[in-house]
Every structure is written in C-alpha cells, then in structure tokens.
Amino acid sequence: MANADSAAPEKKMLKLRVLTLGDGNFSFSLALAKKFPDKYQITATSFDSEKELFEKFKESVAIV
C-alpha cells in the first residue's frame, strides 16, 4: 500500500516542436500558436527579407 508521501511526481507536458517554412505573412503560424498555445513550440520562417515581407504582406507588420 502506497502512502501519500510517495505519490508519483506530476508529469511535465513537453511541447512538440514545429517548423513552418516560407509562411508568407506568418498567419498560418499565428493561427497554430493561438489554437494550441500549450501544445506547440513554433519556429516560423519566410523566404522574404523583413523589408520584402512588410512590402508584400502589409498585415504581417501586426503579426510579426
């Protein structure tokens, strides 16, 4: 019979690592992060430079 002092330690939830490549305006990565905030550690990338990104996708300024 186990006593209360020897209870199993609480399990820590590990986040799954996700890499998104060439996410355009980063809206997909943002949606994923909002939908599953405790499940994924997200790294998002773009093929464009920051300047090109902001010129092509005006809404990305608010996302990045």
C-alpha atoms as a PDB file:
ATOM      1  CA  MET A   1       0.000   0.000   0.000  1.00  0.00           C
ATOM      2  CA  ALA A   2       1.482   3.343  -1.088  1.00  0.00           C
ATOM      3  CA  ASN A   3       1.292   6.350   1.174  1.00  0.00           C
ATOM      4  CA  ALA A   4       0.535   9.925   0.134  1.00  0.00           C
ATOM      5  CA  ASP A   5       4.185  10.986   0.503  1.00  0.00           C
ATOM      6  CA  SER A   6       5.332   8.605  -2.238  1.00  0.00           C
ATOM      7  CA  ALA A   7       2.851   9.821  -4.849  1.00  0.00           C
ATOM      8  CA  ALA A   8       4.159   9.887  -8.416  1.00  0.00           C
ATOM      9  CA  PRO A   9       5.623  13.245  -9.454  1.00  0.00           C
ATOM     10  CA  GLU A  10       3.493  15.383 -11.719  1.00  0.00           C
ATOM     11  CA  LYS A  11       4.268  14.789 -15.402  1.00  0.00           C
ATOM     12  CA  LYS A  12       5.514  17.822 -17.326  1.00  0.00           C
ATOM     13  CA  MET A  13       3.872  18.350 -20.722  1.00  0.00           C
ATOM     14  CA  LEU A  14       6.530  18.633 -23.394  1.00  0.00           C
ATOM     15  CA  LYS A  15       5.736  20.891 -26.313  1.00  0.00           C
ATOM     16  CA  LEU A  16       6.063  19.482 -29.796  1.00  0.00           C
ATOM     17  CA  ARG A  17       8.455  21.472 -31.948  1.00  0.00           C
ATOM     18  CA  VAL A  18       7.035  22.691 -35.257  1.00  0.00           C
ATOM     19  CA  LEU A  19       8.957  24.391 -38.059  1.00  0.00           C
ATOM     20  CA  THR A  20       6.989  26.245 -40.717  1.00  0.00           C
ATOM     21  CA  LEU A  21       8.920  27.134 -43.853  1.00  0.00           C
ATOM     22  CA  GLY A  22       8.063  30.071 -46.088  1.00  0.00           C
ATOM     23  CA  ASP A  23       4.924  31.040 -44.193  1.00  0.00           C
ATOM     24  CA  GLY A  24       4.263  34.113 -46.341  1.00  0.00           C
ATOM     25  CA  ASN A  25       2.672  36.590 -43.930  1.00  0.00           C
ATOM     26  CA  PHE A  26       3.007  34.262 -40.872  1.00  0.00           C
ATOM     27  CA  SER A  27      -0.766  33.962 -40.484  1.00  0.00           C
ATOM     28  CA  PHE A  28      -0.675  30.144 -40.504  1.00  0.00           C
ATOM     29  CA  SER A  29       1.925  30.027 -37.738  1.00  0.00           C
ATOM     30  CA  LEU A  30      -0.012  32.598 -35.721  1.00  0.00           C
ATOM     31  CA  ALA A  31      -3.257  30.619 -36.085  1.00  0.00           C
ATOM     32  CA  LEU A  32      -1.497  27.428 -34.997  1.00  0.00           C
ATOM     33  CA  ALA A  33       0.006  29.171 -31.960  1.00  0.00           C
ATOM     34  CA  LYS A  34      -3.389  30.607 -30.948  1.00  0.00           C
ATOM     35  CA  LYS A  35      -5.248  27.320 -31.423  1.00  0.00           C
ATOM     36  CA  PHE A  36      -2.726  25.228 -29.459  1.00  0.00           C
ATOM     37  CA  PRO A  37      -0.793  27.604 -27.158  1.00  0.00           C
ATOM     38  CA  ASP A  38       0.374  24.876 -24.769  1.00  0.00           C
ATOM     39  CA  LYS A  39       1.000  22.151 -27.333  1.00  0.00           C
ATOM     40  CA  TYR A  40       3.478  23.530 -29.875  1.00  0.00           C
ATOM     41  CA  GLN A  41       6.757  25.423 -29.821  1.00  0.00           C
ATOM     42  CA  ILE A  42       6.694  27.082 -33.241  1.00  0.00           C
ATOM     43  CA  THR A  43       9.546  28.418 -35.328  1.00  0.00           C
ATOM     44  CA  ALA A  44       8.256  30.230 -38.407  1.00  0.00           C
ATOM     45  CA  THR A  45      10.316  31.299 -41.397  1.00  0.00           C
ATOM     46  CA  SER A  46       9.850  33.384 -44.514  1.00  0.00           C
ATOM     47  CA  PHE A  47      11.633  33.277 -47.855  1.00  0.00           C
ATOM     48  CA  ASP A  48      11.471  37.084 -47.983  1.00  0.00           C
ATOM     49  CA  SER A  49      13.619  39.590 -46.130  1.00  0.00           C
ATOM     50  CA  GLU A  50      11.858  41.604 -43.442  1.00  0.00           C
ATOM     51  CA  LYS A  51      11.606  44.594 -45.786  1.00  0.00           C
ATOM     52  CA  GLU A  52      10.176  42.474 -48.628  1.00  0.00           C
ATOM     53  CA  LEU A  53       7.784  40.766 -46.218  1.00  0.00           C
ATOM     54  CA  PHE A  54       6.326  44.057 -44.995  1.00  0.00           C
ATOM     55  CA  GLU A  55       6.037  45.395 -48.546  1.00  0.00           C
ATOM     56  CA  LYS A  56       4.304  42.276 -49.922  1.00  0.00           C
ATOM     57  CA  PHE A  57       2.115  41.499 -46.905  1.00  0.00           C
ATOM     58  CA  LYS A  58       1.048  44.697 -45.116  1.00  0.00           C
ATOM     59  CA  GLU A  59      -0.809  42.688 -42.448  1.00  0.00           C
ATOM     60  CA  SER A  60       2.418  40.903 -41.454  1.00  0.00           C
ATOM     61  CA  VAL A  61       3.549  44.038 -39.580  1.00  0.00           C
ATOM     62  CA  ALA A  62       0.901  43.308 -36.921  1.00  0.00           C
ATOM     63  CA  ILE A  63       1.716  39.579 -36.871  1.00  0.00           C
ATOM     64  CA  VAL A  64       5.486  39.761 -36.572  1.00  0.00           C
END
